[in-house]
Amino acid sequence: VSKNAQKAEYQKQTTNRLESQFNMLKKLELDTNAHR
């Protein structure tokens, strides 16, 4: 994932438009314990 990638149109419509795609995906990232 690139820090400069643009959000898809559906992402712009359903998420905070000011939040970057990188930050949006970072919130969904699983930590090591989630993989156990």
PDB file of N, CA and C in Angstrom:
ATOM      1  N   VAL A   1       0.856  -1.182   0.000  1.00  0.00           N
ATOM      2  CA  VAL A   1       0.000   0.000   0.000  1.00  0.00           C
ATOM      3  C   VAL A   1       0.893   1.234   0.000  1.00  0.00           C
ATOM      4  N   SER A   2       0.600   2.135  -0.870  1.00  0.00           N
ATOM      5  CA  SER A   2       1.364   3.374  -0.967  1.00  0.00           C
ATOM      6  C   SER A   2       0.729   4.450  -0.085  1.00  0.00           C
ATOM      7  N   LYS A   3       1.549   5.225   0.586  1.00  0.00           N
ATOM      8  CA  LYS A   3       1.019   6.317   1.408  1.00  0.00           C
ATOM      9  C   LYS A   3       0.349   7.387   0.559  1.00  0.00           C
ATOM     10  N   ASN A   4       0.646   7.403  -0.732  1.00  0.00           N
ATOM     11  CA  ASN A   4       0.083   8.412  -1.627  1.00  0.00           C
ATOM     12  C   ASN A   4      -1.084   7.905  -2.463  1.00  0.00           C
ATOM     13  N   ALA A   5      -1.508   6.671  -2.251  1.00  0.00           N
ATOM     14  CA  ALA A   5      -2.604   6.105  -3.043  1.00  0.00           C
ATOM     15  C   ALA A   5      -3.913   6.831  -2.736  1.00  0.00           C
ATOM     16  N   GLN A   6      -4.688   7.039  -3.759  1.00  0.00           N
ATOM     17  CA  GLN A   6      -6.000   7.666  -3.602  1.00  0.00           C
ATOM     18  C   GLN A   6      -7.027   6.612  -3.194  1.00  0.00           C
ATOM     19  N   LYS A   7      -8.052   7.037  -2.501  1.00  0.00           N
ATOM     20  CA  LYS A   7      -9.145   6.139  -2.168  1.00  0.00           C
ATOM     21  C   LYS A   7     -10.000   5.901  -3.401  1.00  0.00           C
ATOM     22  N   ALA A   8     -10.627   4.733  -3.440  1.00  0.00           N
ATOM     23  CA  ALA A   8     -11.609   4.451  -4.478  1.00  0.00           C
ATOM     24  C   ALA A   8     -12.851   5.298  -4.193  1.00  0.00           C
ATOM     25  N   GLU A   9     -13.649   5.518  -5.204  1.00  0.00           N
ATOM     26  CA  GLU A   9     -14.839   6.364  -5.045  1.00  0.00           C
ATOM     27  C   GLU A   9     -15.759   5.846  -3.936  1.00  0.00           C
ATOM     28  N   TYR A  10     -15.968   4.524  -3.867  1.00  0.00           N
ATOM     29  CA  TYR A  10     -16.844   3.981  -2.820  1.00  0.00           C
ATOM     30  C   TYR A  10     -16.253   4.214  -1.430  1.00  0.00           C
ATOM     31  N   GLN A  11     -14.923   4.237  -1.313  1.00  0.00           N
ATOM     32  CA  GLN A  11     -14.294   4.513  -0.026  1.00  0.00           C
ATOM     33  C   GLN A  11     -14.504   5.973   0.360  1.00  0.00           C
ATOM     34  N   LYS A  12     -14.433   6.853  -0.605  1.00  0.00           N
ATOM     35  CA  LYS A  12     -14.674   8.271  -0.340  1.00  0.00           C
ATOM     36  C   LYS A  12     -16.103   8.498   0.128  1.00  0.00           C
ATOM     37  N   GLN A  13     -17.034   7.717  -0.391  1.00  0.00           N
ATOM     38  CA  GLN A  13     -18.446   7.884  -0.056  1.00  0.00           C
ATOM     39  C   GLN A  13     -18.799   7.284   1.302  1.00  0.00           C
ATOM     40  N   THR A  14     -18.037   6.288   1.756  1.00  0.00           N
ATOM     41  CA  THR A  14     -18.419   5.573   2.977  1.00  0.00           C
ATOM     42  C   THR A  14     -17.473   5.782   4.152  1.00  0.00           C
ATOM     43  N   THR A  15     -16.417   6.584   3.958  1.00  0.00           N
ATOM     44  CA  THR A  15     -15.472   6.851   5.044  1.00  0.00           C
ATOM     45  C   THR A  15     -15.204   8.351   5.122  1.00  0.00           C
ATOM     46  N   ASN A  16     -14.453   8.732   6.112  1.00  0.00           N
ATOM     47  CA  ASN A  16     -14.056  10.126   6.273  1.00  0.00           C
ATOM     48  C   ASN A  16     -13.227  10.553   5.064  1.00  0.00           C
ATOM     49  N   ARG A  17     -13.702  11.511   4.318  1.00  0.00           N
ATOM     50  CA  ARG A  17     -13.028  11.943   3.090  1.00  0.00           C
ATOM     51  C   ARG A  17     -11.650  12.549   3.365  1.00  0.00           C
ATOM     52  N   LEU A  18     -11.430  13.044   4.567  1.00  0.00           N
ATOM     53  CA  LEU A  18     -10.149  13.673   4.901  1.00  0.00           C
ATOM     54  C   LEU A  18      -9.085  12.657   5.322  1.00  0.00           C
ATOM     55  N   GLU A  19      -9.511  11.443   5.617  1.00  0.00           N
ATOM     56  CA  GLU A  19      -8.578  10.400   6.037  1.00  0.00           C
ATOM     57  C   GLU A  19      -7.963   9.736   4.802  1.00  0.00           C
ATOM     58  N   SER A  20      -6.659   9.538   4.815  1.00  0.00           N
ATOM     59  CA  SER A  20      -5.993   8.907   3.674  1.00  0.00           C
ATOM     60  C   SER A  20      -6.322   7.417   3.625  1.00  0.00           C
ATOM     61  N   GLN A  21      -6.116   6.831   2.454  1.00  0.00           N
ATOM     62  CA  GLN A  21      -6.331   5.393   2.325  1.00  0.00           C
ATOM     63  C   GLN A  21      -5.366   4.643   3.239  1.00  0.00           C
ATOM     64  N   PHE A  22      -4.131   5.109   3.317  1.00  0.00           N
ATOM     65  CA  PHE A  22      -3.132   4.468   4.176  1.00  0.00           C
ATOM     66  C   PHE A  22      -3.606   4.438   5.627  1.00  0.00           C
ATOM     67  N   ASN A  23      -4.072   5.565   6.148  1.00  0.00           N
ATOM     68  CA  ASN A  23      -4.534   5.623   7.539  1.00  0.00           C
ATOM     69  C   ASN A  23      -5.796   4.803   7.746  1.00  0.00           C
ATOM     70  N   MET A  24      -6.667   4.778   6.753  1.00  0.00           N
ATOM     71  CA  MET A  24      -7.877   3.969   6.838  1.00  0.00           C
ATOM     72  C   MET A  24      -7.501   2.489   6.974  1.00  0.00           C
ATOM     73  N   LEU A  25      -6.562   2.028   6.153  1.00  0.00           N
ATOM     74  CA  LEU A  25      -6.149   0.629   6.192  1.00  0.00           C
ATOM     75  C   LEU A  25      -5.327   0.312   7.435  1.00  0.00           C
ATOM     76  N   LYS A  26      -4.549   1.271   7.896  1.00  0.00           N
ATOM     77  CA  LYS A  26      -3.729   1.069   9.093  1.00  0.00           C
ATOM     78  C   LYS A  26      -4.608   0.723  10.298  1.00  0.00           C
ATOM     79  N   LYS A  27      -5.788   1.326  10.381  1.00  0.00           N
ATOM     80  CA  LYS A  27      -6.713   1.040  11.484  1.00  0.00           C
ATOM     81  C   LYS A  27      -7.226  -0.397  11.431  1.00  0.00           C
ATOM     82  N   LEU A  28      -7.219  -1.000  10.252  1.00  0.00           N
ATOM     83  CA  LEU A  28      -7.720  -2.363  10.079  1.00  0.00           C
ATOM     84  C   LEU A  28      -6.628  -3.419  10.211  1.00  0.00           C
ATOM     85  N   GLU A  29      -5.396  -2.973  10.370  1.00  0.00           N
ATOM     86  CA  GLU A  29      -4.255  -3.884  10.449  1.00  0.00           C
ATOM     87  C   GLU A  29      -4.343  -4.749  11.702  1.00  0.00           C
ATOM     88  N   LEU A  30      -4.056  -6.038  11.540  1.00  0.00           N
ATOM     89  CA  LEU A  30      -4.080  -6.969  12.665  1.00  0.00           C
ATOM     90  C   LEU A  30      -2.708  -7.035  13.311  1.00  0.00           C
ATOM     91  N   ASP A  31      -2.683  -7.108  14.648  1.00  0.00           N
ATOM     92  CA  ASP A  31      -1.402  -7.245  15.331  1.00  0.00           C
ATOM     93  C   ASP A  31      -1.019  -8.725  15.413  1.00  0.00           C
ATOM     94  N   THR A  32       0.140  -9.000  15.950  1.00  0.00           N
ATOM     95  CA  THR A  32       0.653 -10.368  16.026  1.00  0.00           C
ATOM     96  C   THR A  32      -0.288 -11.284  16.795  1.00  0.00           C
ATOM     97  N   ASN A  33      -0.869 -10.806  17.875  1.00  0.00           N
ATOM     98  CA  ASN A  33      -1.761 -11.633  18.692  1.00  0.00           C
ATOM     99  C   ASN A  33      -3.018 -12.047  17.941  1.00  0.00           C
ATOM    100  N   ALA A  34      -3.457 -11.274  17.005  1.00  0.00           N
ATOM    101  CA  ALA A  34      -4.655 -11.612  16.236  1.00  0.00           C
ATOM    102  C   ALA A  34      -4.414 -12.797  15.309  1.00  0.00           C
ATOM    103  N   HIS A  35      -3.165 -13.097  15.038  1.00  0.00           N
ATOM    104  CA  HIS A  35      -2.824 -14.195  14.135  1.00  0.00           C
ATOM    105  C   HIS A  35      -2.556 -15.504  14.869  1.00  0.00           C
ATOM    106  N   ARG A  36      -2.749 -15.521  16.152  1.00  0.00           N
ATOM    107  CA  ARG A  36      -2.476 -16.741  16.940  1.00  0.00           C
ATOM    108  C   ARG A  36      -3.711 -17.572  17.112  1.00  0.00           C
TER     109      ARG A  36
END
